[in-house]
Amino acid sequence: MALHSCPKRPRLMWGVLATLATVSVVSFFGSGSHEEFLSHSLPYLLAGGRRPISAPLLPSSDAFFLLPPLDACSPRAPALLVLVPSAPGHALQRQAVRDTWGGVRWAGKYTVRTFFALGLPPEPSQQAALEREAAAHRDLIQGRFMDTYANLTLKTLALLGWAATRCDGALFVLKADDDMFVNLPALAQHLQGLARPLPVYLGRIHWRVHPIRDPRSRHYVPTSLYLDATFPPYCSGTAYVLSGDAVAPILGAARLVPPVPLEDVFVGLCAHRAGIAPQHLGRMSGSSSFPPDPCCYREVLFSVHGVTPSDMVDMWDRAAPHEKMCGHLQRALGLLRCKALARLAGL
């Protein structure tokens, strides 16, 4: 009812923005023509029919402004490739990740490398600082698109495209935001125990999420872009894991999926289109936050959301990498205790 009473102007403006977003994707993934991209996309947008998954949607050779050196993933890709979307102004967050969990080179039996993905800064003066940071740390992936909330889907396509073309061969790809504390040893132990007959997509699942139809919301998704009343299940974008063999099918499905401005929903739609069902990991926090607690951060949870750079460093410095942080009772209560602490803290 509210949808039909919306004024035409916001709908028109959203249509213009959606068109610009599609043009941004086309220009970034410029290895094919505009006609080729639209010929893959329009049948889905207009008819909603299923089609065979096409070749991966990969970035063109000049789609990036800054890249890690060519030997960043040689002589072979890491077993666990960590990709962290970040914003140009989040230098403190990136350094905190480097100084803590993102700086490790081994987790369980897996080799690990961490890279950061970002777009162009709103202020050109910030670019010089990013170039110095890239030269010092050799871990920045910068696409030739503006770093805005509306471009988060494009940023995810960029980092997955880079993984497929420049760091191919990883067993798993972890996407985690730059305000996440990730317990890589515990996550690696879980991944090592997986039986993987099919491509893997796992994280904290959102079920039965309804598209927001209010044009005033930055999460607005009109029926012209996505008609169904609910999205298929998808993993929270705060942190999720793809097996290496899931990346190409998801990038292939990206040609056929509407460019919704919600990156985690978009990845979920691509996975659904590719026939890859998400697997729920209750030990990933999703968008929930937890108070700083060494037992929760370093043993129980796989990921914690909304962690400040100072708390990230503090949680890392309070224990040696292999030191047990939970007592017997704390370990027995596990996730239940961590959720109780969050509730007591009002989080």
Protein backbone atom coordinates (compact mmCIF):
# COMPACT_ATOMS: atom_id res chain seq x y z
CA MET A 1 0.00 0.00 0.00
CA ALA A 2 2.74 2.42 0.94
CA LEU A 3 4.58 1.57 -2.24
CA HIS A 4 1.71 2.78 -4.45
CA SER A 5 1.38 6.02 -2.52
CA CYS A 6 5.04 6.96 -2.95
CA PRO A 7 5.66 10.10 -5.02
CA LYS A 8 6.99 9.54 -8.52
CA ARG A 9 10.08 11.72 -8.11
CA PRO A 10 11.92 9.46 -5.58
CA ARG A 11 11.18 6.48 -7.82
CA LEU A 12 12.56 8.36 -10.82
CA MET A 13 15.66 9.40 -8.89
CA TRP A 14 16.23 5.82 -7.72
CA GLY A 15 15.88 4.65 -11.32
CA VAL A 16 18.56 7.11 -12.37
CA LEU A 17 20.84 5.96 -9.54
CA ALA A 18 20.26 2.30 -10.39
CA THR A 19 21.14 3.02 -14.02
CA LEU A 20 24.33 4.80 -12.94
CA ALA A 21 25.23 1.85 -10.70
CA THR A 22 24.81 -0.51 -13.65
CA VAL A 23 26.97 1.75 -15.82
CA SER A 24 29.62 1.74 -13.05
CA VAL A 25 29.64 -2.05 -13.04
CA VAL A 26 29.86 -2.13 -16.84
CA SER A 27 32.75 0.35 -16.93
CA PHE A 28 34.63 -1.40 -14.12
CA PHE A 29 34.25 -4.83 -15.68
CA GLY A 30 35.18 -3.46 -19.07
CA SER A 31 36.65 -6.67 -20.46
CA GLY A 32 33.36 -7.18 -22.38
CA SER A 33 31.17 -4.75 -24.26
CA HIS A 34 28.19 -2.94 -22.78
CA GLU A 35 25.94 -4.93 -25.09
CA GLU A 36 27.36 -8.23 -23.82
CA PHE A 37 26.78 -7.23 -20.18
CA LEU A 38 23.22 -6.08 -20.83
CA SER A 39 22.40 -9.14 -22.90
CA HIS A 40 23.20 -11.24 -19.84
CA SER A 41 21.44 -8.97 -17.34
CA LEU A 42 18.22 -7.87 -19.01
CA PRO A 43 16.62 -11.35 -19.36
CA TYR A 44 16.85 -11.70 -15.58
CA LEU A 45 15.64 -8.18 -14.85
CA LEU A 46 12.72 -8.36 -17.26
CA ALA A 47 11.64 -12.01 -17.23
CA GLY A 48 13.07 -13.40 -14.01
CA GLY A 49 13.94 -16.65 -15.79
CA ARG A 50 16.81 -18.91 -14.78
CA ARG A 51 19.70 -19.33 -17.21
CA PRO A 52 22.89 -21.36 -17.16
CA ILE A 53 25.71 -19.66 -15.26
CA SER A 54 27.93 -17.78 -17.68
CA ALA A 55 31.65 -17.08 -17.54
CA PRO A 56 32.84 -15.12 -14.48
CA LEU A 57 32.35 -11.36 -14.53
CA LEU A 58 35.98 -10.26 -14.21
CA PRO A 59 37.56 -6.79 -13.99
CA SER A 60 39.43 -5.40 -16.97
CA SER A 61 43.21 -5.00 -16.88
CA ASP A 62 42.94 -1.26 -16.10
CA ALA A 63 40.12 -1.52 -13.51
CA PHE A 64 42.44 -0.93 -10.53
CA PHE A 65 44.38 2.14 -9.48
CA LEU A 66 46.52 0.45 -6.80
CA LEU A 67 47.39 -3.24 -6.60
CA PRO A 68 49.62 -5.46 -4.47
CA PRO A 69 52.81 -6.52 -6.27
CA LEU A 70 52.56 -9.35 -8.78
CA ASP A 71 54.37 -11.70 -6.39
CA ALA A 72 51.84 -11.10 -3.57
CA CYS A 73 50.29 -14.53 -4.15
CA SER A 74 53.36 -16.39 -5.37
CA PRO A 75 54.75 -18.96 -5.56
CA ARG A 76 51.18 -20.02 -4.73
CA ALA A 77 48.04 -18.45 -3.34
CA PRO A 78 47.50 -18.69 0.43
CA ALA A 79 45.19 -21.46 1.57
CA LEU A 80 43.08 -18.83 3.39
CA LEU A 81 42.84 -15.54 1.51
CA VAL A 82 41.45 -12.71 3.67
CA LEU A 83 39.86 -9.74 1.88
CA VAL A 84 38.89 -6.73 3.99
CA PRO A 85 36.71 -3.99 2.46
CA SER A 86 37.77 -0.66 3.88
CA ALA A 87 37.23 3.05 3.30
CA PRO A 88 40.02 5.45 2.24
CA GLY A 89 39.86 7.27 5.57
CA HIS A 90 40.08 4.09 7.69
CA ALA A 91 43.85 3.99 8.03
CA LEU A 92 43.61 3.32 11.78
CA GLN A 93 41.26 0.39 11.24
CA ARG A 94 43.52 -1.14 8.60
CA GLN A 95 46.59 -0.79 10.79
CA ALA A 96 44.79 -2.36 13.74
CA VAL A 97 43.88 -5.36 11.57
CA ARG A 98 47.50 -5.62 10.36
CA ASP A 99 48.82 -5.44 13.92
CA THR A 100 46.46 -8.15 15.16
CA TRP A 101 44.58 -11.01 13.50
CA GLY A 102 45.20 -9.81 9.93
CA GLY A 103 48.95 -9.95 10.38
CA VAL A 104 49.20 -13.69 10.95
CA ARG A 105 50.68 -15.90 8.24
CA TRP A 106 49.44 -19.25 9.58
CA ALA A 107 46.10 -20.37 11.05
CA GLY A 108 46.00 -24.04 11.88
CA LYS A 109 47.34 -25.81 8.79
CA TYR A 110 46.49 -22.90 6.47
CA THR A 111 48.77 -20.21 5.13
CA VAL A 112 47.10 -16.80 5.39
CA ARG A 113 47.43 -13.45 3.60
CA THR A 114 45.28 -10.38 4.19
CA PHE A 115 44.53 -7.63 1.67
CA PHE A 116 42.35 -4.51 1.86
CA ALA A 117 39.91 -3.38 -0.86
CA LEU A 118 38.80 0.22 -1.31
CA GLY A 119 37.71 2.72 -3.93
CA LEU A 120 38.78 6.25 -4.78
CA PRO A 121 38.64 8.79 -1.93
CA PRO A 122 36.15 11.66 -2.00
CA GLU A 123 39.03 14.10 -1.50
CA PRO A 124 41.82 13.76 -4.07
CA SER A 125 44.31 14.92 -1.42
CA GLN A 126 43.79 11.58 0.40
CA GLN A 127 45.16 9.63 -2.54
CA ALA A 128 48.81 10.48 -1.78
CA ALA A 129 48.47 9.00 1.71
CA LEU A 130 46.93 5.83 0.25
CA GLU A 131 49.80 5.51 -2.21
CA ARG A 132 52.34 5.79 0.63
CA GLU A 133 50.39 3.17 2.60
CA ALA A 134 50.31 0.86 -0.41
CA ALA A 135 54.07 1.21 -0.91
CA ALA A 136 54.75 0.49 2.77
CA HIS A 137 52.43 -2.50 3.24
CA ARG A 138 51.88 -3.87 -0.30
CA ASP A 139 48.34 -4.95 0.59
CA LEU A 140 45.92 -2.41 -0.94
CA ILE A 141 43.52 -3.20 -3.78
CA GLN A 142 42.02 0.07 -5.04
CA GLY A 143 39.38 0.04 -7.75
CA ARG A 144 38.70 2.92 -10.12
CA PHE A 145 35.31 3.81 -8.62
CA MET A 146 34.24 6.23 -5.92
CA ASP A 147 34.26 4.74 -2.44
CA THR A 148 30.62 5.23 -1.43
CA TYR A 149 27.98 3.19 0.33
CA ALA A 150 26.14 2.78 -2.96
CA ASN A 151 29.26 1.14 -4.42
CA LEU A 152 29.69 -1.58 -1.77
CA THR A 153 28.38 -4.19 -4.22
CA LEU A 154 30.91 -3.01 -6.79
CA LYS A 155 33.69 -3.17 -4.17
CA THR A 156 32.81 -6.78 -3.40
CA LEU A 157 32.82 -7.64 -7.10
CA ALA A 158 36.21 -5.94 -7.36
CA LEU A 159 37.80 -7.88 -4.52
CA LEU A 160 36.38 -11.20 -5.73
CA GLY A 161 37.46 -10.37 -9.28
CA TRP A 162 40.97 -9.60 -8.06
CA ALA A 163 41.04 -12.89 -6.14
CA ALA A 164 39.97 -14.79 -9.26
CA THR A 165 42.49 -13.14 -11.58
CA ARG A 166 45.49 -12.25 -9.39
CA CYS A 167 45.32 -14.70 -6.44
CA ASP A 168 43.66 -17.78 -7.88
CA GLY A 169 44.06 -21.08 -6.05
CA ALA A 170 43.08 -20.24 -2.45
CA LEU A 171 41.16 -23.00 -0.67
CA PHE A 172 38.99 -20.42 1.09
CA VAL A 173 38.29 -16.70 0.77
CA LEU A 174 37.22 -14.83 3.91
CA LYS A 175 35.53 -11.47 3.43
CA ALA A 176 35.52 -9.46 6.70
CA ASP A 177 34.85 -5.78 7.39
CA ASP A 178 37.59 -3.64 8.89
CA ASP A 179 35.76 -3.36 12.24
CA MET A 180 35.70 -7.14 12.72
CA PHE A 181 37.88 -9.11 15.12
CA VAL A 182 38.35 -12.52 13.49
CA ASN A 183 39.50 -15.59 15.40
CA LEU A 184 41.44 -17.12 12.52
CA PRO A 185 42.77 -20.19 14.40
CA ALA A 186 39.26 -21.25 15.49
CA LEU A 187 37.80 -20.50 12.06
CA ALA A 188 40.61 -22.43 10.34
CA GLN A 189 40.02 -25.42 12.61
CA HIS A 190 36.36 -25.41 11.61
CA LEU A 191 37.19 -25.13 7.90
CA GLN A 192 39.69 -27.97 8.13
CA GLY A 193 36.91 -30.24 9.41
CA LEU A 194 34.49 -29.50 6.56
CA ALA A 195 33.51 -32.17 4.09
CA ARG A 196 33.31 -30.22 0.84
CA PRO A 197 31.69 -32.10 -2.03
CA LEU A 198 30.21 -28.79 -3.24
CA PRO A 199 31.30 -25.12 -3.21
CA VAL A 200 31.00 -23.59 0.26
CA TYR A 201 29.36 -20.30 1.33
CA LEU A 202 29.11 -19.93 5.09
CA GLY A 203 28.55 -17.30 7.73
CA ARG A 204 25.77 -15.98 9.95
CA ILE A 205 22.64 -16.42 7.86
CA HIS A 206 19.81 -13.92 7.58
CA TRP A 207 16.54 -15.70 6.83
CA ARG A 208 13.28 -14.30 5.39
CA VAL A 209 14.52 -10.72 5.00
CA HIS A 210 12.02 -8.45 3.25
CA PRO A 211 13.24 -5.81 0.78
CA ILE A 212 12.72 -2.28 2.05
CA ARG A 213 10.29 -0.51 -0.26
CA ASP A 214 10.56 2.97 1.29
CA PRO A 215 12.37 5.29 -1.19
CA ARG A 216 13.71 7.35 1.70
CA SER A 217 15.84 4.46 2.97
CA ARG A 218 19.37 3.93 1.70
CA HIS A 219 18.44 0.23 1.64
CA TYR A 220 15.54 0.88 -0.74
CA VAL A 221 14.97 -1.88 -3.30
CA PRO A 222 12.09 -1.18 -5.73
CA THR A 223 9.96 -3.96 -7.17
CA SER A 224 11.29 -3.00 -10.62
CA LEU A 225 14.70 -4.22 -9.48
CA TYR A 226 13.67 -7.12 -7.25
CA LEU A 227 10.10 -8.38 -7.33
CA ASP A 228 9.95 -11.16 -4.71
CA ALA A 229 8.62 -10.45 -1.23
CA THR A 230 11.71 -11.87 0.51
CA PHE A 231 15.37 -12.41 -0.30
CA PRO A 232 16.75 -15.94 -0.32
CA PRO A 233 18.85 -16.77 2.76
CA TYR A 234 22.20 -14.98 2.72
CA CYS A 235 25.21 -14.58 4.99
CA SER A 236 25.79 -11.35 6.91
CA GLY A 237 28.21 -9.13 5.02
CA THR A 238 30.20 -8.42 8.18
CA ALA A 239 32.11 -11.68 7.64
CA TYR A 240 31.53 -14.72 5.45
CA VAL A 241 33.62 -17.47 3.86
CA LEU A 242 33.62 -18.77 0.31
CA SER A 243 35.52 -21.82 -0.81
CA GLY A 244 37.88 -21.04 -3.64
CA ASP A 245 35.74 -23.03 -6.06
CA ALA A 246 32.69 -20.88 -5.19
CA VAL A 247 34.22 -17.62 -6.42
CA ALA A 248 33.92 -18.27 -10.16
CA PRO A 249 30.27 -19.48 -10.01
CA ILE A 250 29.32 -16.42 -7.96
CA LEU A 251 31.07 -14.08 -10.40
CA GLY A 252 29.35 -15.92 -13.24
CA ALA A 253 25.95 -15.49 -11.62
CA ALA A 254 26.70 -11.78 -11.09
CA ARG A 255 25.97 -11.25 -14.79
CA LEU A 256 22.40 -12.40 -14.22
CA VAL A 257 21.56 -10.87 -10.85
CA PRO A 258 20.12 -7.35 -10.43
CA PRO A 259 22.71 -4.96 -8.91
CA VAL A 260 20.90 -4.44 -5.59
CA PRO A 261 22.72 -1.85 -3.43
CA LEU A 262 23.14 -4.33 -0.54
CA GLU A 263 26.37 -6.24 -1.03
CA ASP A 264 25.59 -9.16 1.26
CA VAL A 265 22.16 -9.60 -0.34
CA PHE A 266 23.79 -9.39 -3.76
CA VAL A 267 26.32 -12.13 -2.92
CA GLY A 268 23.45 -14.22 -1.52
CA LEU A 269 21.47 -13.74 -4.74
CA CYS A 270 24.52 -14.76 -6.78
CA ALA A 271 25.05 -17.84 -4.62
CA HIS A 272 21.37 -18.75 -4.90
CA ARG A 273 21.50 -18.33 -8.68
CA ALA A 274 24.63 -20.52 -8.80
CA GLY A 275 22.96 -23.22 -6.71
CA ILE A 276 25.22 -22.69 -3.67
CA ALA A 277 23.27 -22.90 -0.40
CA PRO A 278 24.58 -20.86 2.57
CA GLN A 279 25.65 -22.71 5.71
CA HIS A 280 24.97 -21.14 9.09
CA LEU A 281 27.79 -20.48 11.54
CA GLY A 282 26.38 -19.44 14.91
CA ARG A 283 29.85 -18.56 16.16
CA MET A 284 30.07 -15.68 13.70
CA SER A 285 28.59 -12.59 15.26
CA GLY A 286 26.96 -11.12 12.18
CA SER A 287 25.99 -7.56 13.03
CA SER A 288 25.80 -8.32 16.77
CA SER A 289 28.41 -6.78 19.06
CA PHE A 290 30.02 -8.25 22.16
CA PRO A 291 31.86 -6.52 25.02
CA PRO A 292 35.65 -7.00 25.08
CA ASP A 293 36.17 -10.39 26.67
CA PRO A 294 39.28 -12.50 25.90
CA CYS A 295 37.40 -15.80 26.22
CA CYS A 296 34.73 -14.75 23.71
CA TYR A 297 37.09 -13.03 21.29
CA ARG A 298 39.98 -15.50 21.34
CA GLU A 299 38.25 -18.87 21.78
CA VAL A 300 34.46 -19.00 21.47
CA LEU A 301 33.55 -16.69 18.58
CA PHE A 302 34.83 -16.83 15.03
CA SER A 303 34.16 -13.12 14.46
CA VAL A 304 33.05 -10.09 16.46
CA HIS A 305 31.45 -7.02 14.90
CA GLY A 306 31.91 -3.33 15.69
CA VAL A 307 35.35 -3.54 17.34
CA THR A 308 37.30 -0.30 17.63
CA PRO A 309 40.99 -0.24 16.68
CA SER A 310 42.01 0.17 20.33
CA ASP A 311 39.85 -2.75 21.52
CA MET A 312 41.16 -4.87 18.67
CA VAL A 313 44.75 -4.30 19.75
CA ASP A 314 43.87 -4.76 23.42
CA MET A 315 42.17 -8.11 22.82
CA TRP A 316 45.15 -9.26 20.77
CA ASP A 317 47.77 -8.16 23.28
CA ARG A 318 46.06 -9.79 26.29
CA ALA A 319 47.02 -13.32 25.23
CA ALA A 320 49.73 -15.21 23.45
CA PRO A 321 48.49 -16.78 20.18
CA HIS A 322 48.15 -20.32 21.61
CA GLU A 323 47.20 -19.44 25.20
CA LYS A 324 43.82 -20.69 26.42
CA MET A 325 41.65 -17.78 27.50
CA CYS A 326 38.57 -19.62 28.83
CA GLY A 327 38.24 -21.46 32.11
CA HIS A 328 36.50 -24.83 32.21
CA LEU A 329 33.10 -23.35 33.07
CA GLN A 330 33.47 -20.50 30.57
CA ARG A 331 34.35 -23.01 27.87
CA ALA A 332 31.41 -25.22 28.78
CA LEU A 333 28.98 -22.29 28.61
CA GLY A 334 30.62 -21.08 25.39
CA LEU A 335 28.36 -19.04 23.13
CA LEU A 336 25.59 -18.84 25.73
CA ARG A 337 27.94 -16.99 28.12
CA CYS A 338 29.08 -14.55 25.41
CA LYS A 339 25.47 -13.74 24.48
CA ALA A 340 24.65 -13.19 28.16
CA LEU A 341 27.58 -10.77 28.50
CA ALA A 342 26.35 -8.85 25.44
CA ARG A 343 22.84 -8.63 26.88
CA LEU A 344 24.16 -7.42 30.24
CA ALA A 345 26.22 -4.76 28.43
CA GLY A 346 23.15 -3.62 26.53
CA LEU A 347 24.63 -4.56 23.14
